[in-house]
Amino acid sequence: MTTSKKLSDKRLKEIAALPVTFDEDIPEFSDSELKGFAPAHPEYFKVTPIKKAISIKIDLDVLEALKAQGKGYQTRINEILRKAVFSH
């Protein structure tokens, strides 16, 4: 039986502080080398997020500006929110 537990902030900091040793078996890769990597089974990474219908109020000028860009304004709203929430 497996249980799912979230790691505490304290434990995450402890893990991040652990030293990383690079050698011939575990080389350090440059950013450009890492960008060239791809998953062995990319089909496992194509997950469609679950959508939830909600009702929100936004400023009329913002809504009109998004609608003026053409069809798909709700998708654009979602993309804007996703970037705002998940970018660091």
PDB file of N, CA and C in Angstrom:
ATOM      1  N   MET A   1       0.838  -1.174   0.000  1.00  0.00           N
ATOM      2  CA  MET A   1       0.000   0.000   0.000  1.00  0.00           C
ATOM      3  C   MET A   1       0.886   1.241   0.000  1.00  0.00           C
ATOM      4  N   THR A   2       0.566   2.193  -0.872  1.00  0.00           N
ATOM      5  CA  THR A   2       1.334   3.427  -0.922  1.00  0.00           C
ATOM      6  C   THR A   2       0.500   4.564  -0.364  1.00  0.00           C
ATOM      7  N   THR A   3       1.180   5.461   0.279  1.00  0.00           N
ATOM      8  CA  THR A   3       0.506   6.644   0.797  1.00  0.00           C
ATOM      9  C   THR A   3       1.178   7.864   0.196  1.00  0.00           C
ATOM     10  N   SER A   4       0.415   8.875  -0.054  1.00  0.00           N
ATOM     11  CA  SER A   4       0.930  10.108  -0.630  1.00  0.00           C
ATOM     12  C   SER A   4       0.973  11.165   0.464  1.00  0.00           C
ATOM     13  N   LYS A   5       2.171  11.631   0.777  1.00  0.00           N
ATOM     14  CA  LYS A   5       2.328  12.681   1.772  1.00  0.00           C
ATOM     15  C   LYS A   5       3.106  13.827   1.143  1.00  0.00           C
ATOM     16  N   LYS A   6       2.670  15.023   1.419  1.00  0.00           N
ATOM     17  CA  LYS A   6       3.387  16.185   0.925  1.00  0.00           C
ATOM     18  C   LYS A   6       4.582  16.434   1.835  1.00  0.00           C
ATOM     19  N   LEU A   7       5.677  16.851   1.217  1.00  0.00           N
ATOM     20  CA  LEU A   7       6.865  17.171   1.988  1.00  0.00           C
ATOM     21  C   LEU A   7       6.714  18.551   2.613  1.00  0.00           C
ATOM     22  N   SER A   8       7.178  18.688   3.829  1.00  0.00           N
ATOM     23  CA  SER A   8       7.108  19.982   4.499  1.00  0.00           C
ATOM     24  C   SER A   8       8.154  20.917   3.891  1.00  0.00           C
ATOM     25  N   ASP A   9       7.954  22.208   4.087  1.00  0.00           N
ATOM     26  CA  ASP A   9       8.927  23.187   3.598  1.00  0.00           C
ATOM     27  C   ASP A   9      10.302  22.925   4.199  1.00  0.00           C
ATOM     28  N   LYS A  10      10.312  22.545   5.468  1.00  0.00           N
ATOM     29  CA  LYS A  10      11.583  22.260   6.144  1.00  0.00           C
ATOM     30  C   LYS A  10      12.302  21.103   5.451  1.00  0.00           C
ATOM     31  N   ARG A  11      11.562  20.036   5.146  1.00  0.00           N
ATOM     32  CA  ARG A  11      12.177  18.868   4.506  1.00  0.00           C
ATOM     33  C   ARG A  11      12.643  19.197   3.090  1.00  0.00           C
ATOM     34  N   LEU A  12      11.867  19.988   2.366  1.00  0.00           N
ATOM     35  CA  LEU A  12      12.275  20.391   1.019  1.00  0.00           C
ATOM     36  C   LEU A  12      13.576  21.185   1.059  1.00  0.00           C
ATOM     37  N   LYS A  13      13.729  22.070   2.058  1.00  0.00           N
ATOM     38  CA  LYS A  13      14.973  22.832   2.202  1.00  0.00           C
ATOM     39  C   LYS A  13      16.141  21.920   2.542  1.00  0.00           C
ATOM     40  N   GLU A  14      15.898  20.913   3.378  1.00  0.00           N
ATOM     41  CA  GLU A  14      16.953  19.951   3.710  1.00  0.00           C
ATOM     42  C   GLU A  14      17.404  19.196   2.458  1.00  0.00           C
ATOM     43  N   ILE A  15      16.452  18.773   1.652  1.00  0.00           N
ATOM     44  CA  ILE A  15      16.777  18.034   0.431  1.00  0.00           C
ATOM     45  C   ILE A  15      17.559  18.927  -0.528  1.00  0.00           C
ATOM     46  N   ALA A  16      17.127  20.187  -0.677  1.00  0.00           N
ATOM     47  CA  ALA A  16      17.799  21.114  -1.585  1.00  0.00           C
ATOM     48  C   ALA A  16      19.227  21.408  -1.135  1.00  0.00           C
ATOM     49  N   ALA A  17      19.486  21.318   0.173  1.00  0.00           N
ATOM     50  CA  ALA A  17      20.816  21.606   0.700  1.00  0.00           C
ATOM     51  C   ALA A  17      21.785  20.435   0.563  1.00  0.00           C
ATOM     52  N   LEU A  18      21.280  19.262   0.208  1.00  0.00           N
ATOM     53  CA  LEU A  18      22.159  18.107   0.061  1.00  0.00           C
ATOM     54  C   LEU A  18      23.136  18.336  -1.085  1.00  0.00           C
ATOM     55  N   PRO A  19      24.409  17.943  -0.911  1.00  0.00           N
ATOM     56  CA  PRO A  19      25.378  18.158  -1.980  1.00  0.00           C
ATOM     57  C   PRO A  19      25.127  17.217  -3.166  1.00  0.00           C
ATOM     58  N   VAL A  20      25.445  17.707  -4.359  1.00  0.00           N
ATOM     59  CA  VAL A  20      25.340  16.898  -5.568  1.00  0.00           C
ATOM     60  C   VAL A  20      26.757  16.661  -6.068  1.00  0.00           C
ATOM     61  N   THR A  21      27.113  15.399  -6.255  1.00  0.00           N
ATOM     62  CA  THR A  21      28.436  15.050  -6.735  1.00  0.00           C
ATOM     63  C   THR A  21      28.341  14.586  -8.176  1.00  0.00           C
ATOM     64  N   PHE A  22      29.024  15.283  -9.067  1.00  0.00           N
ATOM     65  CA  PHE A  22      29.044  14.903 -10.468  1.00  0.00           C
ATOM     66  C   PHE A  22      30.325  14.124 -10.741  1.00  0.00           C
ATOM     67  N   ASP A  23      30.210  13.064 -11.531  1.00  0.00           N
ATOM     68  CA  ASP A  23      31.374  12.276 -11.937  1.00  0.00           C
ATOM     69  C   ASP A  23      31.096  11.688 -13.311  1.00  0.00           C
ATOM     70  N   GLU A  24      31.883  10.692 -13.734  1.00  0.00           N
ATOM     71  CA  GLU A  24      31.699  10.125 -15.075  1.00  0.00           C
ATOM     72  C   GLU A  24      30.372   9.372 -15.206  1.00  0.00           C
ATOM     73  N   ASP A  25      29.847   8.858 -14.105  1.00  0.00           N
ATOM     74  CA  ASP A  25      28.565   8.159 -14.149  1.00  0.00           C
ATOM     75  C   ASP A  25      27.379   9.131 -14.101  1.00  0.00           C
ATOM     76  N   ILE A  26      27.577  10.258 -13.430  1.00  0.00           N
ATOM     77  CA  ILE A  26      26.528  11.261 -13.311  1.00  0.00           C
ATOM     78  C   ILE A  26      27.146  12.611 -13.691  1.00  0.00           C
ATOM     79  N   PRO A  27      27.239  12.888 -15.000  1.00  0.00           N
ATOM     80  CA  PRO A  27      27.865  14.146 -15.412  1.00  0.00           C
ATOM     81  C   PRO A  27      26.928  15.335 -15.232  1.00  0.00           C
ATOM     82  N   GLU A  28      27.520  16.503 -15.117  1.00  0.00           N
ATOM     83  CA  GLU A  28      26.731  17.724 -15.060  1.00  0.00           C
ATOM     84  C   GLU A  28      26.475  18.176 -16.493  1.00  0.00           C
ATOM     85  N   PHE A  29      25.227  18.513 -16.795  1.00  0.00           N
ATOM     86  CA  PHE A  29      24.874  18.917 -18.146  1.00  0.00           C
ATOM     87  C   PHE A  29      24.653  20.420 -18.203  1.00  0.00           C
ATOM     88  N   SER A  30      25.010  21.010 -19.355  1.00  0.00           N
ATOM     89  CA  SER A  30      24.763  22.432 -19.560  1.00  0.00           C
ATOM     90  C   SER A  30      23.284  22.632 -19.879  1.00  0.00           C
ATOM     91  N   ASP A  31      22.843  23.890 -19.817  1.00  0.00           N
ATOM     92  CA  ASP A  31      21.443  24.189 -20.140  1.00  0.00           C
ATOM     93  C   ASP A  31      21.113  23.791 -21.574  1.00  0.00           C
ATOM     94  N   SER A  32      22.037  24.021 -22.494  1.00  0.00           N
ATOM     95  CA  SER A  32      21.763  23.670 -23.893  1.00  0.00           C
ATOM     96  C   SER A  32      21.675  22.155 -24.068  1.00  0.00           C
ATOM     97  N   GLU A  33      22.475  21.391 -23.330  1.00  0.00           N
ATOM     98  CA  GLU A  33      22.382  19.928 -23.392  1.00  0.00           C
ATOM     99  C   GLU A  33      21.044  19.445 -22.814  1.00  0.00           C
ATOM    100  N   LEU A  34      20.626  20.048 -21.713  1.00  0.00           N
ATOM    101  CA  LEU A  34      19.365  19.656 -21.082  1.00  0.00           C
ATOM    102  C   LEU A  34      18.169  19.942 -21.990  1.00  0.00           C
ATOM    103  N   LYS A  35      18.231  21.027 -22.762  1.00  0.00           N
ATOM    104  CA  LYS A  35      17.128  21.359 -23.668  1.00  0.00           C
ATOM    105  C   LYS A  35      16.985  20.310 -24.772  1.00  0.00           C
ATOM    106  N   GLY A  36      18.054  19.580 -25.076  1.00  0.00           N
ATOM    107  CA  GLY A  36      18.012  18.557 -26.114  1.00  0.00           C
ATOM    108  C   GLY A  36      17.410  17.241 -25.651  1.00  0.00           C
ATOM    109  N   PHE A  37      17.202  17.090 -24.356  1.00  0.00           N
ATOM    110  CA  PHE A  37      16.643  15.850 -23.833  1.00  0.00           C
ATOM    111  C   PHE A  37      15.141  15.776 -24.096  1.00  0.00           C
ATOM    112  N   ALA A  38      14.650  14.578 -24.266  1.00  0.00           N
ATOM    113  CA  ALA A  38      13.221  14.357 -24.455  1.00  0.00           C
ATOM    114  C   ALA A  38      12.826  13.101 -23.686  1.00  0.00           C
ATOM    115  N   PRO A  39      11.597  13.039 -23.204  1.00  0.00           N
ATOM    116  CA  PRO A  39      11.174  11.842 -22.482  1.00  0.00           C
ATOM    117  C   PRO A  39      11.150  10.622 -23.401  1.00  0.00           C
ATOM    118  N   ALA A  40      11.456   9.454 -22.834  1.00  0.00           N
ATOM    119  CA  ALA A  40      11.450   8.222 -23.615  1.00  0.00           C
ATOM    120  C   ALA A  40      10.045   7.879 -24.090  1.00  0.00           C
ATOM    121  N   HIS A  41       9.053   8.208 -23.313  1.00  0.00           N
ATOM    122  CA  HIS A  41       7.655   7.913 -23.660  1.00  0.00           C
ATOM    123  C   HIS A  41       6.830   9.194 -23.543  1.00  0.00           C
ATOM    124  N   PRO A  42       6.918  10.071 -24.545  1.00  0.00           N
ATOM    125  CA  PRO A  42       6.245  11.371 -24.432  1.00  0.00           C
ATOM    126  C   PRO A  42       4.733  11.285 -24.298  1.00  0.00           C
ATOM    127  N   GLU A  43       4.138  10.156 -24.717  1.00  0.00           N
ATOM    128  CA  GLU A  43       2.680  10.036 -24.606  1.00  0.00           C
ATOM    129  C   GLU A  43       2.219  10.083 -23.155  1.00  0.00           C
ATOM    130  N   TYR A  44       3.096   9.747 -22.213  1.00  0.00           N
ATOM    131  CA  TYR A  44       2.730   9.791 -20.803  1.00  0.00           C
ATOM    132  C   TYR A  44       2.683  11.221 -20.271  1.00  0.00           C
ATOM    133  N   PHE A  45       3.257  12.159 -21.009  1.00  0.00           N
ATOM    134  CA  PHE A  45       3.326  13.538 -20.545  1.00  0.00           C
ATOM    135  C   PHE A  45       2.259  14.413 -21.191  1.00  0.00           C
ATOM    136  N   LYS A  46       1.433  13.832 -22.036  1.00  0.00           N
ATOM    137  CA  LYS A  46       0.353  14.577 -22.680  1.00  0.00           C
ATOM    138  C   LYS A  46      -0.921  14.404 -21.867  1.00  0.00           C
ATOM    139  N   VAL A  47      -1.031  15.209 -20.827  1.00  0.00           N
ATOM    140  CA  VAL A  47      -2.171  15.127 -19.922  1.00  0.00           C
ATOM    141  C   VAL A  47      -3.063  16.335 -20.178  1.00  0.00           C
ATOM    142  N   THR A  48      -4.314  16.078 -20.416  1.00  0.00           N
ATOM    143  CA  THR A  48      -5.274  17.153 -20.608  1.00  0.00           C
ATOM    144  C   THR A  48      -5.820  17.569 -19.249  1.00  0.00           C
ATOM    145  N   PRO A  49      -5.623  18.844 -18.887  1.00  0.00           N
ATOM    146  CA  PRO A  49      -6.137  19.289 -17.591  1.00  0.00           C
ATOM    147  C   PRO A  49      -7.661  19.200 -17.541  1.00  0.00           C
ATOM    148  N   ILE A  50      -8.172  18.935 -16.372  1.00  0.00           N
ATOM    149  CA  ILE A  50      -9.620  18.903 -16.164  1.00  0.00           C
ATOM    150  C   ILE A  50     -10.103  20.346 -16.122  1.00  0.00           C
ATOM    151  N   LYS A  51     -11.135  20.630 -16.871  1.00  0.00           N
ATOM    152  CA  LYS A  51     -11.700  21.977 -16.906  1.00  0.00           C
ATOM    153  C   LYS A  51     -12.892  22.059 -15.959  1.00  0.00           C
ATOM    154  N   LYS A  52     -13.050  23.212 -15.337  1.00  0.00           N
ATOM    155  CA  LYS A  52     -14.148  23.456 -14.402  1.00  0.00           C
ATOM    156  C   LYS A  52     -14.817  24.761 -14.780  1.00  0.00           C
ATOM    157  N   ALA A  53     -16.107  24.719 -15.029  1.00  0.00           N
ATOM    158  CA  ALA A  53     -16.857  25.927 -15.361  1.00  0.00           C
ATOM    159  C   ALA A  53     -17.066  26.752 -14.091  1.00  0.00           C
ATOM    160  N   ILE A  54     -16.755  28.049 -14.194  1.00  0.00           N
ATOM    161  CA  ILE A  54     -16.939  28.965 -13.070  1.00  0.00           C
ATOM    162  C   ILE A  54     -17.544  30.258 -13.592  1.00  0.00           C
ATOM    163  N   SER A  55     -17.939  31.100 -12.688  1.00  0.00           N
ATOM    164  CA  SER A  55     -18.426  32.428 -13.043  1.00  0.00           C
ATOM    165  C   SER A  55     -17.564  33.437 -12.299  1.00  0.00           C
ATOM    166  N   ILE A  56     -16.955  34.364 -13.060  1.00  0.00           N
ATOM    167  CA  ILE A  56     -16.132  35.400 -12.433  1.00  0.00           C
ATOM    168  C   ILE A  56     -16.533  36.754 -13.002  1.00  0.00           C
ATOM    169  N   LYS A  57     -16.166  37.785 -12.293  1.00  0.00           N
ATOM    170  CA  LYS A  57     -16.388  39.141 -12.784  1.00  0.00           C
ATOM    171  C   LYS A  57     -15.016  39.747 -13.066  1.00  0.00           C
ATOM    172  N   ILE A  58     -14.866  40.243 -14.304  1.00  0.00           N
ATOM    173  CA  ILE A  58     -13.629  40.934 -14.667  1.00  0.00           C
ATOM    174  C   ILE A  58     -14.004  42.289 -15.262  1.00  0.00           C
ATOM    175  N   ASP A  59     -13.055  43.181 -15.272  1.00  0.00           N
ATOM    176  CA  ASP A  59     -13.303  44.517 -15.808  1.00  0.00           C
ATOM    177  C   ASP A  59     -13.717  44.437 -17.276  1.00  0.00           C
ATOM    178  N   LEU A  60     -14.697  45.232 -17.641  1.00  0.00           N
ATOM    179  CA  LEU A  60     -15.253  45.210 -18.986  1.00  0.00           C
ATOM    180  C   LEU A  60     -14.190  45.528 -20.038  1.00  0.00           C
ATOM    181  N   ASP A  61     -13.307  46.497 -19.750  1.00  0.00           N
ATOM    182  CA  ASP A  61     -12.290  46.848 -20.741  1.00  0.00           C
ATOM    183  C   ASP A  61     -11.321  45.693 -20.993  1.00  0.00           C
ATOM    184  N   VAL A  62     -11.019  44.922 -19.953  1.00  0.00           N
ATOM    185  CA  VAL A  62     -10.142  43.754 -20.110  1.00  0.00           C
ATOM    186  C   VAL A  62     -10.836  42.708 -20.969  1.00  0.00           C
ATOM    187  N   LEU A  63     -12.094  42.443 -20.682  1.00  0.00           N
ATOM    188  CA  LEU A  63     -12.854  41.465 -21.452  1.00  0.00           C
ATOM    189  C   LEU A  63     -12.967  41.877 -22.917  1.00  0.00           C
ATOM    190  N   GLU A  64     -13.271  43.134 -23.151  1.00  0.00           N
ATOM    191  CA  GLU A  64     -13.402  43.613 -24.531  1.00  0.00           C
ATOM    192  C   GLU A  64     -12.074  43.517 -25.285  1.00  0.00           C
ATOM    193  N   ALA A  65     -10.976  43.816 -24.599  1.00  0.00           N
ATOM    194  CA  ALA A  65      -9.663  43.726 -25.244  1.00  0.00           C
ATOM    195  C   ALA A  65      -9.347  42.280 -25.631  1.00  0.00           C
ATOM    196  N   LEU A  66      -9.687  41.338 -24.763  1.00  0.00           N
ATOM    197  CA  LEU A  66      -9.445  39.924 -25.071  1.00  0.00           C
ATOM    198  C   LEU A  66     -10.352  39.444 -26.196  1.00  0.00           C
ATOM    199  N   LYS A  67     -11.609  39.860 -26.173  1.00  0.00           N
ATOM    200  CA  LYS A  67     -12.540  39.470 -27.239  1.00  0.00           C
ATOM    201  C   LYS A  67     -12.139  40.087 -28.578  1.00  0.00           C
ATOM    202  N   ALA A  68     -11.564  41.294 -28.541  1.00  0.00           N
ATOM    203  CA  ALA A  68     -11.161  41.976 -29.772  1.00  0.00           C
ATOM    204  C   ALA A  68     -10.040  41.240 -30.495  1.00  0.00           C
ATOM    205  N   GLN A  69      -9.319  40.382 -29.775  1.00  0.00           N
ATOM    206  CA  GLN A  69      -8.237  39.611 -30.394  1.00  0.00           C
ATOM    207  C   GLN A  69      -8.773  38.435 -31.199  1.00  0.00           C
ATOM    208  N   GLY A  70     -10.072  38.220 -31.168  1.00  0.00           N
ATOM    209  CA  GLY A  70     -10.677  37.157 -31.957  1.00  0.00           C
ATOM    210  C   GLY A  70     -11.160  36.010 -31.093  1.00  0.00           C
ATOM    211  N   LYS A  71     -11.600  34.972 -31.799  1.00  0.00           N
ATOM    212  CA  LYS A  71     -12.154  33.792 -31.132  1.00  0.00           C
ATOM    213  C   LYS A  71     -11.141  33.176 -30.163  1.00  0.00           C
ATOM    214  N   GLY A  72     -11.647  32.634 -29.060  1.00  0.00           N
ATOM    215  CA  GLY A  72     -10.779  31.955 -28.092  1.00  0.00           C
ATOM    216  C   GLY A  72     -10.387  32.804 -26.904  1.00  0.00           C
ATOM    217  N   TYR A  73     -11.198  33.810 -26.593  1.00  0.00           N
ATOM    218  CA  TYR A  73     -10.816  34.687 -25.482  1.00  0.00           C
ATOM    219  C   TYR A  73     -10.785  33.957 -24.142  1.00  0.00           C
ATOM    220  N   GLN A  74     -11.664  32.955 -23.949  1.00  0.00           N
ATOM    221  CA  GLN A  74     -11.645  32.218 -22.684  1.00  0.00           C
ATOM    222  C   GLN A  74     -10.356  31.403 -22.556  1.00  0.00           C
ATOM    223  N   THR A  75      -9.893  30.848 -23.660  1.00  0.00           N
ATOM    224  CA  THR A  75      -8.619  30.119 -23.648  1.00  0.00           C
ATOM    225  C   THR A  75      -7.482  31.074 -23.321  1.00  0.00           C
ATOM    226  N   ARG A  76      -7.527  32.283 -23.883  1.00  0.00           N
ATOM    227  CA  ARG A  76      -6.481  33.272 -23.577  1.00  0.00           C
ATOM    228  C   ARG A  76      -6.514  33.661 -22.102  1.00  0.00           C
ATOM    229  N   ILE A  77      -7.723  33.817 -21.545  1.00  0.00           N
ATOM    230  CA  ILE A  77      -7.827  34.126 -20.108  1.00  0.00           C
ATOM    231  C   ILE A  77      -7.166  33.016 -19.296  1.00  0.00           C
ATOM    232  N   ASN A  78      -7.447  31.767 -19.652  1.00  0.00           N
ATOM    233  CA  ASN A  78      -6.854  30.638 -18.937  1.00  0.00           C
ATOM    234  C   ASN A  78      -5.332  30.653 -19.064  1.00  0.00           C
ATOM    235  N   GLU A  79      -4.813  30.940 -20.255  1.00  0.00           N
ATOM    236  CA  GLU A  79      -3.357  30.984 -20.453  1.00  0.00           C
ATOM    237  C   GLU A  79      -2.716  32.088 -19.615  1.00  0.00           C
ATOM    238  N   ILE A  80      -3.363  33.251 -19.573  1.00  0.00           N
ATOM    239  CA  ILE A  80      -2.856  34.364 -18.767  1.00  0.00           C
ATOM    240  C   ILE A  80      -2.834  33.983 -17.287  1.00  0.00           C
ATOM    241  N   LEU A  81      -3.920  33.378 -16.812  1.00  0.00           N
ATOM    242  CA  LEU A  81      -3.975  32.956 -15.405  1.00  0.00           C
ATOM    243  C   LEU A  81      -2.936  31.878 -15.111  1.00  0.00           C
ATOM    244  N   ARG A  82      -2.776  30.926 -16.029  1.00  0.00           N
ATOM    245  CA  ARG A  82      -1.806  29.843 -15.839  1.00  0.00           C
ATOM    246  C   ARG A  82      -0.393  30.413 -15.701  1.00  0.00           C
ATOM    247  N   LYS A  83      -0.029  31.348 -16.584  1.00  0.00           N
ATOM    248  CA  LYS A  83       1.303  31.959 -16.511  1.00  0.00           C
ATOM    249  C   LYS A  83       1.478  32.711 -15.202  1.00  0.00           C
ATOM    250  N   ALA A  84       0.445  33.445 -14.791  1.00  0.00           N
ATOM    251  CA  ALA A  84       0.539  34.221 -13.549  1.00  0.00           C
ATOM    252  C   ALA A  84       0.674  33.325 -12.326  1.00  0.00           C
ATOM    253  N   VAL A  85      -0.021  32.198 -12.328  1.00  0.00           N
ATOM    254  CA  VAL A  85      -0.029  31.320 -11.160  1.00  0.00           C
ATOM    255  C   VAL A  85       1.226  30.453 -11.103  1.00  0.00           C
ATOM    256  N   PHE A  86       1.664  29.929 -12.257  1.00  0.00           N
ATOM    257  CA  PHE A  86       2.721  28.920 -12.242  1.00  0.00           C
ATOM    258  C   PHE A  86       4.103  29.423 -12.632  1.00  0.00           C
ATOM    259  N   SER A  87       4.257  30.661 -13.051  1.00  0.00           N
ATOM    260  CA  SER A  87       5.595  31.157 -13.360  1.00  0.00           C
ATOM    261  C   SER A  87       6.265  31.612 -12.063  1.00  0.00           C
ATOM    262  N   HIS A  88       7.540  31.405 -12.006  1.00  0.00           N
ATOM    263  CA  HIS A  88       8.261  31.752 -10.768  1.00  0.00           C
ATOM    264  C   HIS A  88       9.268  32.826 -11.035  1.00  0.00           C
TER     265      HIS A  88
END
